[in-house]
Amino acid sequence: MEVVLKNLKKKDFEVIKSLAKALGFEIEKKEEQSPYNPEFVKKILDAQKEIEEGKGTKMTLEELDALWK
């Protein structure tokens, strides 16, 4: 049988781990992984930071529309 515990606090994990060890259970800890590519996330966060620093370019809707023509 497999049991999955989610949203477990670190302090509670130690208690559960001790209890499981005392009962002879096997503990396997897996961290949740983001479904997003870490390089992609970094690019997005860097771009957001640049915009906050005023390094972005403002465009009107007309200018944006002209890019597609």
PDB file of N, CA and C in Angstrom:
ATOM      1  N   MET A   1       0.842  -1.167   0.000  1.00  0.00           N
ATOM      2  CA  MET A   1       0.000   0.000   0.000  1.00  0.00           C
ATOM      3  C   MET A   1       0.893   1.237   0.000  1.00  0.00           C
ATOM      4  N   GLU A   2       0.435   2.285  -0.671  1.00  0.00           N
ATOM      5  CA  GLU A   2       1.190   3.528  -0.736  1.00  0.00           C
ATOM      6  C   GLU A   2       0.324   4.656  -0.188  1.00  0.00           C
ATOM      7  N   VAL A   3       0.902   5.491   0.660  1.00  0.00           N
ATOM      8  CA  VAL A   3       0.193   6.631   1.234  1.00  0.00           C
ATOM      9  C   VAL A   3       0.946   7.896   0.855  1.00  0.00           C
ATOM     10  N   VAL A   4       0.218   8.900   0.391  1.00  0.00           N
ATOM     11  CA  VAL A   4       0.827  10.164   0.003  1.00  0.00           C
ATOM     12  C   VAL A   4       0.316  11.252   0.937  1.00  0.00           C
ATOM     13  N   LEU A   5       1.241  11.988   1.542  1.00  0.00           N
ATOM     14  CA  LEU A   5       0.893  13.122   2.402  1.00  0.00           C
ATOM     15  C   LEU A   5       1.276  14.405   1.670  1.00  0.00           C
ATOM     16  N   LYS A   6       0.324  15.311   1.524  1.00  0.00           N
ATOM     17  CA  LYS A   6       0.608  16.573   0.834  1.00  0.00           C
ATOM     18  C   LYS A   6       0.494  17.727   1.812  1.00  0.00           C
ATOM     19  N   ASN A   7       1.197  18.801   1.480  1.00  0.00           N
ATOM     20  CA  ASN A   7       1.180  20.025   2.283  1.00  0.00           C
ATOM     21  C   ASN A   7       1.585  19.761   3.734  1.00  0.00           C
ATOM     22  N   LEU A   8       2.560  18.928   3.916  1.00  0.00           N
ATOM     23  CA  LEU A   8       3.055  18.567   5.242  1.00  0.00           C
ATOM     24  C   LEU A   8       4.096  19.591   5.689  1.00  0.00           C
ATOM     25  N   LYS A   9       3.949  20.102   6.877  1.00  0.00           N
ATOM     26  CA  LYS A   9       4.908  21.067   7.420  1.00  0.00           C
ATOM     27  C   LYS A   9       6.185  20.337   7.795  1.00  0.00           C
ATOM     28  N   LYS A  10       7.312  21.048   7.688  1.00  0.00           N
ATOM     29  CA  LYS A  10       8.603  20.427   7.980  1.00  0.00           C
ATOM     30  C   LYS A  10       8.658  19.867   9.396  1.00  0.00           C
ATOM     31  N   LYS A  11       8.120  20.611  10.368  1.00  0.00           N
ATOM     32  CA  LYS A  11       8.161  20.129  11.758  1.00  0.00           C
ATOM     33  C   LYS A  11       7.317  18.867  11.918  1.00  0.00           C
ATOM     34  N   ASP A  12       6.222  18.774  11.197  1.00  0.00           N
ATOM     35  CA  ASP A  12       5.369  17.586  11.272  1.00  0.00           C
ATOM     36  C   ASP A  12       6.004  16.402  10.545  1.00  0.00           C
ATOM     37  N   PHE A  13       6.787  16.681   9.519  1.00  0.00           N
ATOM     38  CA  PHE A  13       7.434  15.604   8.771  1.00  0.00           C
ATOM     39  C   PHE A  13       8.368  14.804   9.665  1.00  0.00           C
ATOM     40  N   GLU A  14       9.078  15.491  10.528  1.00  0.00           N
ATOM     41  CA  GLU A  14      10.011  14.803  11.429  1.00  0.00           C
ATOM     42  C   GLU A  14       9.254  13.869  12.374  1.00  0.00           C
ATOM     43  N   VAL A  15       8.081  14.294  12.837  1.00  0.00           N
ATOM     44  CA  VAL A  15       7.277  13.452  13.736  1.00  0.00           C
ATOM     45  C   VAL A  15       6.774  12.223  12.985  1.00  0.00           C
ATOM     46  N   ILE A  16       6.252  12.441  11.789  1.00  0.00           N
ATOM     47  CA  ILE A  16       5.740  11.336  10.966  1.00  0.00           C
ATOM     48  C   ILE A  16       6.882  10.375  10.631  1.00  0.00           C
ATOM     49  N   LYS A  17       8.032  10.937  10.310  1.00  0.00           N
ATOM     50  CA  LYS A  17       9.199  10.112   9.971  1.00  0.00           C
ATOM     51  C   LYS A  17       9.614   9.237  11.156  1.00  0.00           C
ATOM     52  N   SER A  18       9.635   9.801  12.355  1.00  0.00           N
ATOM     53  CA  SER A  18       9.995   9.035  13.561  1.00  0.00           C
ATOM     54  C   SER A  18       8.981   7.929  13.826  1.00  0.00           C
ATOM     55  N   LEU A  19       7.710   8.258  13.703  1.00  0.00           N
ATOM     56  CA  LEU A  19       6.655   7.272  13.920  1.00  0.00           C
ATOM     57  C   LEU A  19       6.754   6.133  12.897  1.00  0.00           C
ATOM     58  N   ALA A  20       6.946   6.499  11.639  1.00  0.00           N
ATOM     59  CA  ALA A  20       7.054   5.474  10.593  1.00  0.00           C
ATOM     60  C   ALA A  20       8.260   4.570  10.828  1.00  0.00           C
ATOM     61  N   LYS A  21       9.359   5.172  11.239  1.00  0.00           N
ATOM     62  CA  LYS A  21      10.564   4.378  11.511  1.00  0.00           C
ATOM     63  C   LYS A  21      10.314   3.403  12.660  1.00  0.00           C
ATOM     64  N   ALA A  22       9.622   3.878  13.701  1.00  0.00           N
ATOM     65  CA  ALA A  22       9.322   3.022  14.860  1.00  0.00           C
ATOM     66  C   ALA A  22       8.412   1.862  14.464  1.00  0.00           C
ATOM     67  N   LEU A  23       7.543   2.097  13.493  1.00  0.00           N
ATOM     68  CA  LEU A  23       6.616   1.052  13.048  1.00  0.00           C
ATOM     69  C   LEU A  23       7.195   0.196  11.923  1.00  0.00           C
ATOM     70  N   GLY A  24       8.400   0.540  11.472  1.00  0.00           N
ATOM     71  CA  GLY A  24       9.056  -0.258  10.440  1.00  0.00           C
ATOM     72  C   GLY A  24       8.619   0.087   9.021  1.00  0.00           C
ATOM     73  N   PHE A  25       8.041   1.275   8.839  1.00  0.00           N
ATOM     74  CA  PHE A  25       7.627   1.694   7.497  1.00  0.00           C
ATOM     75  C   PHE A  25       8.788   2.309   6.746  1.00  0.00           C
ATOM     76  N   GLU A  26       8.683   2.284   5.453  1.00  0.00           N
ATOM     77  CA  GLU A  26       9.686   2.909   4.590  1.00  0.00           C
ATOM     78  C   GLU A  26       9.210   4.312   4.225  1.00  0.00           C
ATOM     79  N   ILE A  27      10.095   5.293   4.350  1.00  0.00           N
ATOM     80  CA  ILE A  27       9.757   6.689   4.033  1.00  0.00           C
ATOM     81  C   ILE A  27      10.493   7.087   2.760  1.00  0.00           C
ATOM     82  N   GLU A  28       9.765   7.673   1.852  1.00  0.00           N
ATOM     83  CA  GLU A  28      10.363   8.192   0.623  1.00  0.00           C
ATOM     84  C   GLU A  28       9.852   9.613   0.449  1.00  0.00           C
ATOM     85  N   LYS A  29      10.753  10.568   0.483  1.00  0.00           N
ATOM     86  CA  LYS A  29      10.367  11.976   0.384  1.00  0.00           C
ATOM     87  C   LYS A  29      10.604  12.459  -1.046  1.00  0.00           C
ATOM     88  N   LYS A  30       9.562  13.016  -1.634  1.00  0.00           N
ATOM     89  CA  LYS A  30       9.668  13.571  -2.980  1.00  0.00           C
ATOM     90  C   LYS A  30       9.190  15.009  -2.942  1.00  0.00           C
ATOM     91  N   GLU A  31      10.003  15.889  -3.450  1.00  0.00           N
ATOM     92  CA  GLU A  31       9.607  17.292  -3.549  1.00  0.00           C
ATOM     93  C   GLU A  31       8.801  17.468  -4.831  1.00  0.00           C
ATOM     94  N   GLU A  32       7.773  18.294  -4.756  1.00  0.00           N
ATOM     95  CA  GLU A  32       6.979  18.558  -5.951  1.00  0.00           C
ATOM     96  C   GLU A  32       7.817  19.356  -6.925  1.00  0.00           C
ATOM     97  N   GLN A  33       7.746  18.974  -8.172  1.00  0.00           N
ATOM     98  CA  GLN A  33       8.471  19.691  -9.197  1.00  0.00           C
ATOM     99  C   GLN A  33       7.498  20.540  -9.993  1.00  0.00           C
ATOM    100  N   SER A  34       7.984  21.681 -10.389  1.00  0.00           N
ATOM    101  CA  SER A  34       7.169  22.571 -11.209  1.00  0.00           C
ATOM    102  C   SER A  34       7.020  21.954 -12.596  1.00  0.00           C
ATOM    103  N   PRO A  35       5.850  22.078 -13.200  1.00  0.00           N
ATOM    104  CA  PRO A  35       5.672  21.547 -14.548  1.00  0.00           C
ATOM    105  C   PRO A  35       6.343  22.426 -15.609  1.00  0.00           C
ATOM    106  N   TYR A  36       6.923  23.557 -15.184  1.00  0.00           N
ATOM    107  CA  TYR A  36       7.533  24.491 -16.118  1.00  0.00           C
ATOM    108  C   TYR A  36       9.038  24.301 -16.197  1.00  0.00           C
ATOM    109  N   ASN A  37       9.579  24.561 -17.356  1.00  0.00           N
ATOM    110  CA  ASN A  37      11.016  24.504 -17.590  1.00  0.00           C
ATOM    111  C   ASN A  37      11.679  25.612 -16.763  1.00  0.00           C
ATOM    112  N   PRO A  38      12.661  25.287 -15.922  1.00  0.00           N
ATOM    113  CA  PRO A  38      13.301  26.297 -15.069  1.00  0.00           C
ATOM    114  C   PRO A  38      13.937  27.444 -15.866  1.00  0.00           C
ATOM    115  N   GLU A  39      14.461  27.164 -17.044  1.00  0.00           N
ATOM    116  CA  GLU A  39      15.056  28.219 -17.871  1.00  0.00           C
ATOM    117  C   GLU A  39      13.982  29.197 -18.331  1.00  0.00           C
ATOM    118  N   PHE A  40      12.816  28.678 -18.693  1.00  0.00           N
ATOM    119  CA  PHE A  40      11.700  29.510 -19.123  1.00  0.00           C
ATOM    120  C   PHE A  40      11.224  30.394 -17.973  1.00  0.00           C
ATOM    121  N   VAL A  41      11.100  29.823 -16.792  1.00  0.00           N
ATOM    122  CA  VAL A  41      10.663  30.583 -15.618  1.00  0.00           C
ATOM    123  C   VAL A  41      11.646  31.708 -15.325  1.00  0.00           C
ATOM    124  N   LYS A  42      12.943  31.418 -15.431  1.00  0.00           N
ATOM    125  CA  LYS A  42      13.966  32.438 -15.179  1.00  0.00           C
ATOM    126  C   LYS A  42      13.837  33.588 -16.170  1.00  0.00           C
ATOM    127  N   LYS A  43      13.605  33.276 -17.451  1.00  0.00           N
ATOM    128  CA  LYS A  43      13.442  34.323 -18.461  1.00  0.00           C
ATOM    129  C   LYS A  43      12.254  35.215 -18.142  1.00  0.00           C
ATOM    130  N   ILE A  44      11.141  34.618 -17.743  1.00  0.00           N
ATOM    131  CA  ILE A  44       9.941  35.381 -17.416  1.00  0.00           C
ATOM    132  C   ILE A  44      10.189  36.275 -16.201  1.00  0.00           C
ATOM    133  N   LEU A  45      10.806  35.728 -15.164  1.00  0.00           N
ATOM    134  CA  LEU A  45      11.080  36.509 -13.955  1.00  0.00           C
ATOM    135  C   LEU A  45      12.073  37.639 -14.225  1.00  0.00           C
ATOM    136  N   ASP A  46      13.080  37.373 -15.063  1.00  0.00           N
ATOM    137  CA  ASP A  46      14.043  38.417 -15.431  1.00  0.00           C
ATOM    138  C   ASP A  46      13.350  39.529 -16.214  1.00  0.00           C
ATOM    139  N   ALA A  47      12.466  39.159 -17.138  1.00  0.00           N
ATOM    140  CA  ALA A  47      11.739  40.155 -17.929  1.00  0.00           C
ATOM    141  C   ALA A  47      10.839  40.994 -17.031  1.00  0.00           C
ATOM    142  N   GLN A  48      10.183  40.359 -16.071  1.00  0.00           N
ATOM    143  CA  GLN A  48       9.307  41.086 -15.148  1.00  0.00           C
ATOM    144  C   GLN A  48      10.125  42.088 -14.333  1.00  0.00           C
ATOM    145  N   LYS A  49      11.310  41.674 -13.903  1.00  0.00           N
ATOM    146  CA  LYS A  49      12.184  42.558 -13.130  1.00  0.00           C
ATOM    147  C   LYS A  49      12.607  43.756 -13.977  1.00  0.00           C
ATOM    148  N   GLU A  50      12.943  43.514 -15.241  1.00  0.00           N
ATOM    149  CA  GLU A  50      13.345  44.607 -16.129  1.00  0.00           C
ATOM    150  C   GLU A  50      12.208  45.608 -16.320  1.00  0.00           C
ATOM    151  N   ILE A  51      10.986  45.118 -16.447  1.00  0.00           N
ATOM    152  CA  ILE A  51       9.836  46.016 -16.602  1.00  0.00           C
ATOM    153  C   ILE A  51       9.661  46.859 -15.341  1.00  0.00           C
ATOM    154  N   GLU A  52       9.813  46.244 -14.180  1.00  0.00           N
ATOM    155  CA  GLU A  52       9.691  46.974 -12.919  1.00  0.00           C
ATOM    156  C   GLU A  52      10.775  48.035 -12.784  1.00  0.00           C
ATOM    157  N   GLU A  53      11.931  47.798 -13.408  1.00  0.00           N
ATOM    158  CA  GLU A  53      13.037  48.763 -13.365  1.00  0.00           C
ATOM    159  C   GLU A  53      12.901  49.829 -14.448  1.00  0.00           C
ATOM    160  N   GLY A  54      11.834  49.765 -15.226  1.00  0.00           N
ATOM    161  CA  GLY A  54      11.598  50.776 -16.260  1.00  0.00           C
ATOM    162  C   GLY A  54      12.334  50.523 -17.557  1.00  0.00           C
ATOM    163  N   LYS A  55      12.803  49.325 -17.784  1.00  0.00           N
ATOM    164  CA  LYS A  55      13.555  49.010 -18.987  1.00  0.00           C
ATOM    165  C   LYS A  55      12.665  48.519 -20.128  1.00  0.00           C
ATOM    166  N   GLY A  56      11.348  48.485 -19.910  1.00  0.00           N
ATOM    167  CA  GLY A  56      10.430  48.002 -20.938  1.00  0.00           C
ATOM    168  C   GLY A  56      10.113  49.083 -21.956  1.00  0.00           C
ATOM    169  N   THR A  57       9.391  48.730 -22.995  1.00  0.00           N
ATOM    170  CA  THR A  57       8.957  49.662 -24.020  1.00  0.00           C
ATOM    171  C   THR A  57       7.446  49.725 -24.009  1.00  0.00           C
ATOM    172  N   LYS A  58       6.906  50.957 -23.932  1.00  0.00           N
ATOM    173  CA  LYS A  58       5.460  51.133 -23.958  1.00  0.00           C
ATOM    174  C   LYS A  58       5.017  51.315 -25.405  1.00  0.00           C
ATOM    175  N   MET A  59       3.907  50.663 -25.744  1.00  0.00           N
ATOM    176  CA  MET A  59       3.360  50.768 -27.097  1.00  0.00           C
ATOM    177  C   MET A  59       1.860  51.002 -27.002  1.00  0.00           C
ATOM    178  N   THR A  60       1.349  51.749 -27.961  1.00  0.00           N
ATOM    179  CA  THR A  60      -0.095  51.924 -28.045  1.00  0.00           C
ATOM    180  C   THR A  60      -0.673  50.716 -28.766  1.00  0.00           C
ATOM    181  N   LEU A  61      -1.993  50.578 -28.701  1.00  0.00           N
ATOM    182  CA  LEU A  61      -2.637  49.471 -29.410  1.00  0.00           C
ATOM    183  C   LEU A  61      -2.420  49.588 -30.916  1.00  0.00           C
ATOM    184  N   GLU A  62      -2.401  50.813 -31.420  1.00  0.00           N
ATOM    185  CA  GLU A  62      -2.176  51.020 -32.854  1.00  0.00           C
ATOM    186  C   GLU A  62      -0.779  50.559 -33.267  1.00  0.00           C
ATOM    187  N   GLU A  63       0.222  50.884 -32.454  1.00  0.00           N
ATOM    188  CA  GLU A  63       1.590  50.450 -32.745  1.00  0.00           C
ATOM    189  C   GLU A  63       1.697  48.931 -32.696  1.00  0.00           C
ATOM    190  N   LEU A  64       1.038  48.342 -31.729  1.00  0.00           N
ATOM    191  CA  LEU A  64       1.047  46.892 -31.603  1.00  0.00           C
ATOM    192  C   LEU A  64       0.348  46.242 -32.791  1.00  0.00           C
ATOM    193  N   ASP A  65      -0.772  46.815 -33.197  1.00  0.00           N
ATOM    194  CA  ASP A  65      -1.517  46.296 -34.337  1.00  0.00           C
ATOM    195  C   ASP A  65      -0.700  46.407 -35.625  1.00  0.00           C
ATOM    196  N   ALA A  66       0.083  47.460 -35.743  1.00  0.00           N
ATOM    197  CA  ALA A  66       0.900  47.661 -36.947  1.00  0.00           C
ATOM    198  C   ALA A  66       1.981  46.596 -37.087  1.00  0.00           C
ATOM    199  N   LEU A  67       2.377  45.975 -36.005  1.00  0.00           N
ATOM    200  CA  LEU A  67       3.399  44.922 -36.069  1.00  0.00           C
ATOM    201  C   LEU A  67       2.891  43.695 -36.821  1.00  0.00           C
ATOM    202  N   TRP A  68       1.580  43.475 -36.838  1.00  0.00           N
ATOM    203  CA  TRP A  68       1.000  42.298 -37.453  1.00  0.00           C
ATOM    204  C   TRP A  68       0.630  42.524 -38.907  1.00  0.00           C
ATOM    205  N   LYS A  69       0.810  43.725 -39.413  1.00  0.00           N
ATOM    206  CA  LYS A  69       0.409  44.014 -40.807  1.00  0.00           C
ATOM    207  C   LYS A  69       1.595  44.015 -41.721  1.00  0.00           C
TER     208      LYS A  69
END
